[in-house]
C-alpha cells in the first residue's frame, strides 16, 4: 500500500468528514471508495466504447430479427 498527500479545499474536507462519519467509516476509506467508484465508471465507459466500435450493426439486426416482434404481455410476471 502506498501513501499520497491530498490537498483539497476545506469545504470538500468538511463534507467528506461529515459523510464519512454518517456512514460510520473513516475519511481515508471514503476517499478510497470514491476513487475506486470513479475509476470503475471511467473504465466501464471505455469498455462499452470499445465494444460499440467493434460492433456489427448488421449482426445486431439479424439477432433482433430472430427474437420476433411479439411484445411482452402486460400481465407477464417474472418470479425468481
N, C-alpha and C. Protein backbone atom coordinates (compact mmCIF):
# COMPACT_ATOMS: atom_id res chain seq x y z
N UNK A 1 0.86 -1.17 0.00
CA UNK A 1 0.00 0.00 0.00
C UNK A 1 0.90 1.23 0.00
N UNK A 2 0.45 2.27 -0.65
CA UNK A 2 1.24 3.49 -0.70
C UNK A 2 0.44 4.67 -0.16
N UNK A 3 1.15 5.76 0.08
CA UNK A 3 0.52 6.97 0.60
C UNK A 3 0.56 8.06 -0.45
N UNK A 4 -0.40 8.98 -0.36
CA UNK A 4 -0.45 10.12 -1.26
C UNK A 4 -1.02 11.29 -0.47
N UNK A 5 -0.27 12.38 -0.46
CA UNK A 5 -0.75 13.57 0.24
C UNK A 5 -1.77 14.26 -0.65
N UNK A 6 -2.96 14.45 -0.11
CA UNK A 6 -4.05 15.02 -0.89
C UNK A 6 -4.35 16.43 -0.39
N UNK A 7 -4.34 17.38 -1.30
CA UNK A 7 -4.72 18.75 -0.95
C UNK A 7 -6.10 19.00 -1.52
N UNK A 8 -7.01 19.45 -0.68
CA UNK A 8 -8.35 19.74 -1.15
C UNK A 8 -8.91 20.92 -0.39
N UNK A 9 -9.87 21.58 -1.00
CA UNK A 9 -10.47 22.74 -0.33
C UNK A 9 -11.11 22.33 1.00
N UNK A 10 -11.10 23.24 1.94
CA UNK A 10 -11.65 22.97 3.28
C UNK A 10 -13.11 22.54 3.21
N UNK A 11 -13.86 23.13 2.28
CA UNK A 11 -15.28 22.77 2.17
C UNK A 11 -15.46 21.31 1.77
N UNK A 12 -14.61 20.81 0.87
CA UNK A 12 -14.69 19.39 0.49
C UNK A 12 -14.25 18.50 1.63
N UNK A 13 -13.24 18.93 2.36
CA UNK A 13 -12.78 18.14 3.50
C UNK A 13 -13.89 18.00 4.54
N UNK A 14 -14.56 19.11 4.84
CA UNK A 14 -15.62 19.06 5.84
C UNK A 14 -16.80 18.21 5.36
N UNK A 15 -17.13 18.30 4.07
CA UNK A 15 -18.23 17.49 3.53
C UNK A 15 -17.86 16.01 3.59
N UNK A 16 -16.63 15.68 3.22
CA UNK A 16 -16.18 14.28 3.27
C UNK A 16 -16.18 13.76 4.70
N UNK A 17 -15.73 14.60 5.62
CA UNK A 17 -15.71 14.22 7.03
C UNK A 17 -17.12 13.94 7.54
N UNK A 18 -18.07 14.81 7.18
CA UNK A 18 -19.45 14.65 7.60
C UNK A 18 -20.08 13.38 7.02
N UNK A 19 -19.85 13.14 5.73
CA UNK A 19 -20.43 11.97 5.08
C UNK A 19 -19.80 10.69 5.60
N UNK A 20 -18.47 10.69 5.80
CA UNK A 20 -17.79 9.51 6.33
C UNK A 20 -18.31 9.17 7.72
N UNK A 21 -18.49 10.19 8.55
CA UNK A 21 -19.00 9.96 9.90
C UNK A 21 -20.41 9.39 9.86
N UNK A 22 -21.24 9.93 8.98
CA UNK A 22 -22.62 9.44 8.86
C UNK A 22 -22.64 8.00 8.37
N UNK A 23 -21.62 7.62 7.60
CA UNK A 23 -21.53 6.26 7.07
C UNK A 23 -20.73 5.35 7.99
N UNK A 24 -20.33 5.89 9.14
CA UNK A 24 -19.56 5.14 10.14
C UNK A 24 -18.28 4.55 9.55
N UNK A 25 -17.55 5.40 8.82
CA UNK A 25 -16.28 4.99 8.23
C UNK A 25 -15.27 6.12 8.38
N UNK A 26 -14.07 5.87 7.97
CA UNK A 26 -13.03 6.90 8.05
C UNK A 26 -13.02 7.72 6.77
N UNK A 27 -12.41 8.89 6.86
CA UNK A 27 -12.25 9.71 5.66
C UNK A 27 -11.38 8.97 4.64
N UNK A 28 -10.36 8.27 5.12
CA UNK A 28 -9.50 7.53 4.21
C UNK A 28 -10.32 6.51 3.42
N UNK A 29 -11.16 5.75 4.12
CA UNK A 29 -11.99 4.76 3.43
C UNK A 29 -12.96 5.43 2.48
N UNK A 30 -13.51 6.57 2.88
CA UNK A 30 -14.41 7.31 2.00
C UNK A 30 -13.70 7.69 0.70
N UNK A 31 -12.48 8.22 0.82
CA UNK A 31 -11.73 8.62 -0.37
C UNK A 31 -11.35 7.42 -1.24
N UNK A 32 -10.95 6.32 -0.61
CA UNK A 32 -10.59 5.12 -1.37
C UNK A 32 -11.78 4.62 -2.17
N UNK A 33 -12.94 4.56 -1.53
CA UNK A 33 -14.14 4.08 -2.22
C UNK A 33 -14.55 5.06 -3.33
N UNK A 34 -14.47 6.35 -3.07
CA UNK A 34 -14.84 7.34 -4.08
C UNK A 34 -13.93 7.24 -5.30
N UNK A 35 -12.63 7.07 -5.07
CA UNK A 35 -11.69 6.93 -6.18
C UNK A 35 -11.95 5.64 -6.94
N UNK A 36 -12.20 4.54 -6.22
CA UNK A 36 -12.49 3.26 -6.86
C UNK A 36 -13.76 3.35 -7.72
N UNK A 37 -14.79 4.03 -7.22
CA UNK A 37 -16.03 4.20 -7.98
C UNK A 37 -15.78 4.99 -9.25
N UNK A 38 -14.99 6.04 -9.17
CA UNK A 38 -14.71 6.87 -10.35
C UNK A 38 -13.91 6.08 -11.38
N UNK A 39 -12.91 5.34 -10.93
CA UNK A 39 -12.12 4.52 -11.84
C UNK A 39 -13.01 3.48 -12.51
N UNK A 40 -13.86 2.84 -11.74
CA UNK A 40 -14.77 1.84 -12.28
C UNK A 40 -15.69 2.44 -13.34
N UNK A 41 -16.25 3.59 -13.08
CA UNK A 41 -17.16 4.24 -14.03
C UNK A 41 -16.43 4.59 -15.32
N UNK A 42 -15.23 5.12 -15.20
CA UNK A 42 -14.48 5.51 -16.39
C UNK A 42 -14.05 4.29 -17.20
N UNK A 43 -13.61 3.23 -16.52
CA UNK A 43 -13.19 2.03 -17.23
C UNK A 43 -14.39 1.31 -17.86
N UNK A 44 -15.54 1.36 -17.21
CA UNK A 44 -16.75 0.76 -17.79
C UNK A 44 -17.15 1.51 -19.05
N UNK A 45 -17.11 2.83 -19.01
CA UNK A 45 -17.44 3.62 -20.20
C UNK A 45 -16.47 3.30 -21.33
N UNK A 46 -15.20 3.18 -21.01
CA UNK A 46 -14.19 2.86 -22.02
C UNK A 46 -14.45 1.47 -22.62
N UNK A 47 -14.81 0.50 -21.76
CA UNK A 47 -15.11 -0.85 -22.21
C UNK A 47 -16.25 -0.83 -23.22
N UNK A 48 -17.35 -0.12 -22.90
CA UNK A 48 -18.50 -0.10 -23.80
C UNK A 48 -18.23 0.69 -25.07
N UNK A 49 -17.40 1.72 -24.99
CA UNK A 49 -17.00 2.44 -26.20
C UNK A 49 -16.24 1.50 -27.13
N UNK A 50 -15.35 0.71 -26.56
CA UNK A 50 -14.57 -0.25 -27.35
C UNK A 50 -15.49 -1.30 -27.96
N UNK A 51 -16.43 -1.82 -27.16
CA UNK A 51 -17.36 -2.83 -27.67
C UNK A 51 -18.24 -2.25 -28.77
N UNK A 52 -18.69 -1.02 -28.60
CA UNK A 52 -19.54 -0.39 -29.61
C UNK A 52 -18.78 -0.19 -30.91
N UNK A 53 -17.52 0.21 -30.81
CA UNK A 53 -16.71 0.42 -32.01
C UNK A 53 -16.47 -0.89 -32.75
N UNK A 54 -16.40 -1.98 -32.02
CA UNK A 54 -16.15 -3.28 -32.64
C UNK A 54 -17.44 -3.97 -33.06
N UNK A 55 -18.59 -3.35 -32.76
CA UNK A 55 -19.88 -3.97 -33.04
C UNK A 55 -20.20 -4.02 -34.52
N UNK A 56 -21.15 -4.88 -34.84
CA UNK A 56 -21.59 -5.05 -36.22
C UNK A 56 -23.10 -4.83 -36.23
N UNK A 57 -23.52 -3.72 -36.80
CA UNK A 57 -24.94 -3.37 -36.81
C UNK A 57 -25.77 -4.42 -37.54
N UNK A 58 -25.25 -4.96 -38.62
CA UNK A 58 -25.98 -5.98 -39.37
C UNK A 58 -26.22 -7.23 -38.55
N UNK A 59 -25.21 -7.64 -37.79
CA UNK A 59 -25.36 -8.82 -36.94
C UNK A 59 -26.36 -8.55 -35.82
N UNK A 60 -26.36 -7.34 -35.30
CA UNK A 60 -27.31 -6.99 -34.24
C UNK A 60 -28.74 -7.03 -34.77
N UNK A 61 -28.97 -6.48 -35.94
CA UNK A 61 -30.31 -6.50 -36.53
C UNK A 61 -30.74 -7.94 -36.79
N UNK A 62 -29.84 -8.77 -37.30
CA UNK A 62 -30.16 -10.17 -37.56
C UNK A 62 -30.53 -10.88 -36.26
N UNK A 63 -29.84 -10.60 -35.19
CA UNK A 63 -30.16 -11.22 -33.90
C UNK A 63 -31.53 -10.78 -33.42
N UNK A 64 -31.84 -9.48 -33.54
CA UNK A 64 -33.16 -9.00 -33.12
C UNK A 64 -34.27 -9.58 -33.98
N UNK A 65 -33.96 -9.80 -35.26
CA UNK A 65 -34.96 -10.40 -36.15
C UNK A 65 -35.32 -11.81 -35.70
N UNK A 66 -34.39 -12.52 -35.10
CA UNK A 66 -34.65 -13.87 -34.61
C UNK A 66 -35.58 -13.85 -33.39
N UNK A 67 -35.55 -12.76 -32.65
CA UNK A 67 -36.36 -12.65 -31.44
C UNK A 67 -37.84 -12.56 -31.79
N UNK A 68 -38.15 -11.87 -32.84
CA UNK A 68 -39.54 -11.72 -33.25
C UNK A 68 -40.10 -10.38 -32.83
N UNK A 69 -41.32 -10.14 -33.23
CA UNK A 69 -41.91 -8.83 -32.96
C UNK A 69 -43.02 -8.88 -31.91
N UNK A 70 -43.23 -10.01 -31.28
CA UNK A 70 -44.27 -10.09 -30.26
C UNK A 70 -43.84 -9.36 -29.01
N UNK A 71 -44.63 -8.38 -28.64
CA UNK A 71 -44.32 -7.62 -27.42
C UNK A 71 -44.74 -8.45 -26.21
N UNK A 72 -44.08 -8.21 -25.10
CA UNK A 72 -44.44 -8.89 -23.85
C UNK A 72 -45.85 -8.48 -23.45
N UNK A 73 -46.58 -9.43 -22.91
CA UNK A 73 -47.93 -9.13 -22.45
C UNK A 73 -47.84 -8.38 -21.12
N UNK A 74 -48.78 -7.47 -20.90
CA UNK A 74 -48.72 -6.65 -19.70
C UNK A 74 -48.90 -7.45 -18.42
N UNK A 75 -49.54 -8.62 -18.52
CA UNK A 75 -49.71 -9.42 -17.30
C UNK A 75 -48.60 -10.43 -17.09
N UNK A 76 -47.57 -10.40 -17.97
CA UNK A 76 -46.42 -11.27 -17.77
C UNK A 76 -45.68 -10.86 -16.51
N UNK A 77 -45.41 -11.80 -15.68
CA UNK A 77 -44.69 -11.50 -14.43
C UNK A 77 -43.54 -12.48 -14.29
N UNK A 78 -42.41 -11.97 -13.88
CA UNK A 78 -41.25 -12.82 -13.64
C UNK A 78 -41.13 -13.05 -12.15
N UNK A 79 -40.99 -14.29 -11.77
CA UNK A 79 -40.79 -14.61 -10.36
C UNK A 79 -39.55 -15.47 -10.24
N UNK A 80 -38.69 -15.13 -9.32
CA UNK A 80 -37.46 -15.90 -9.16
C UNK A 80 -37.70 -17.27 -8.56
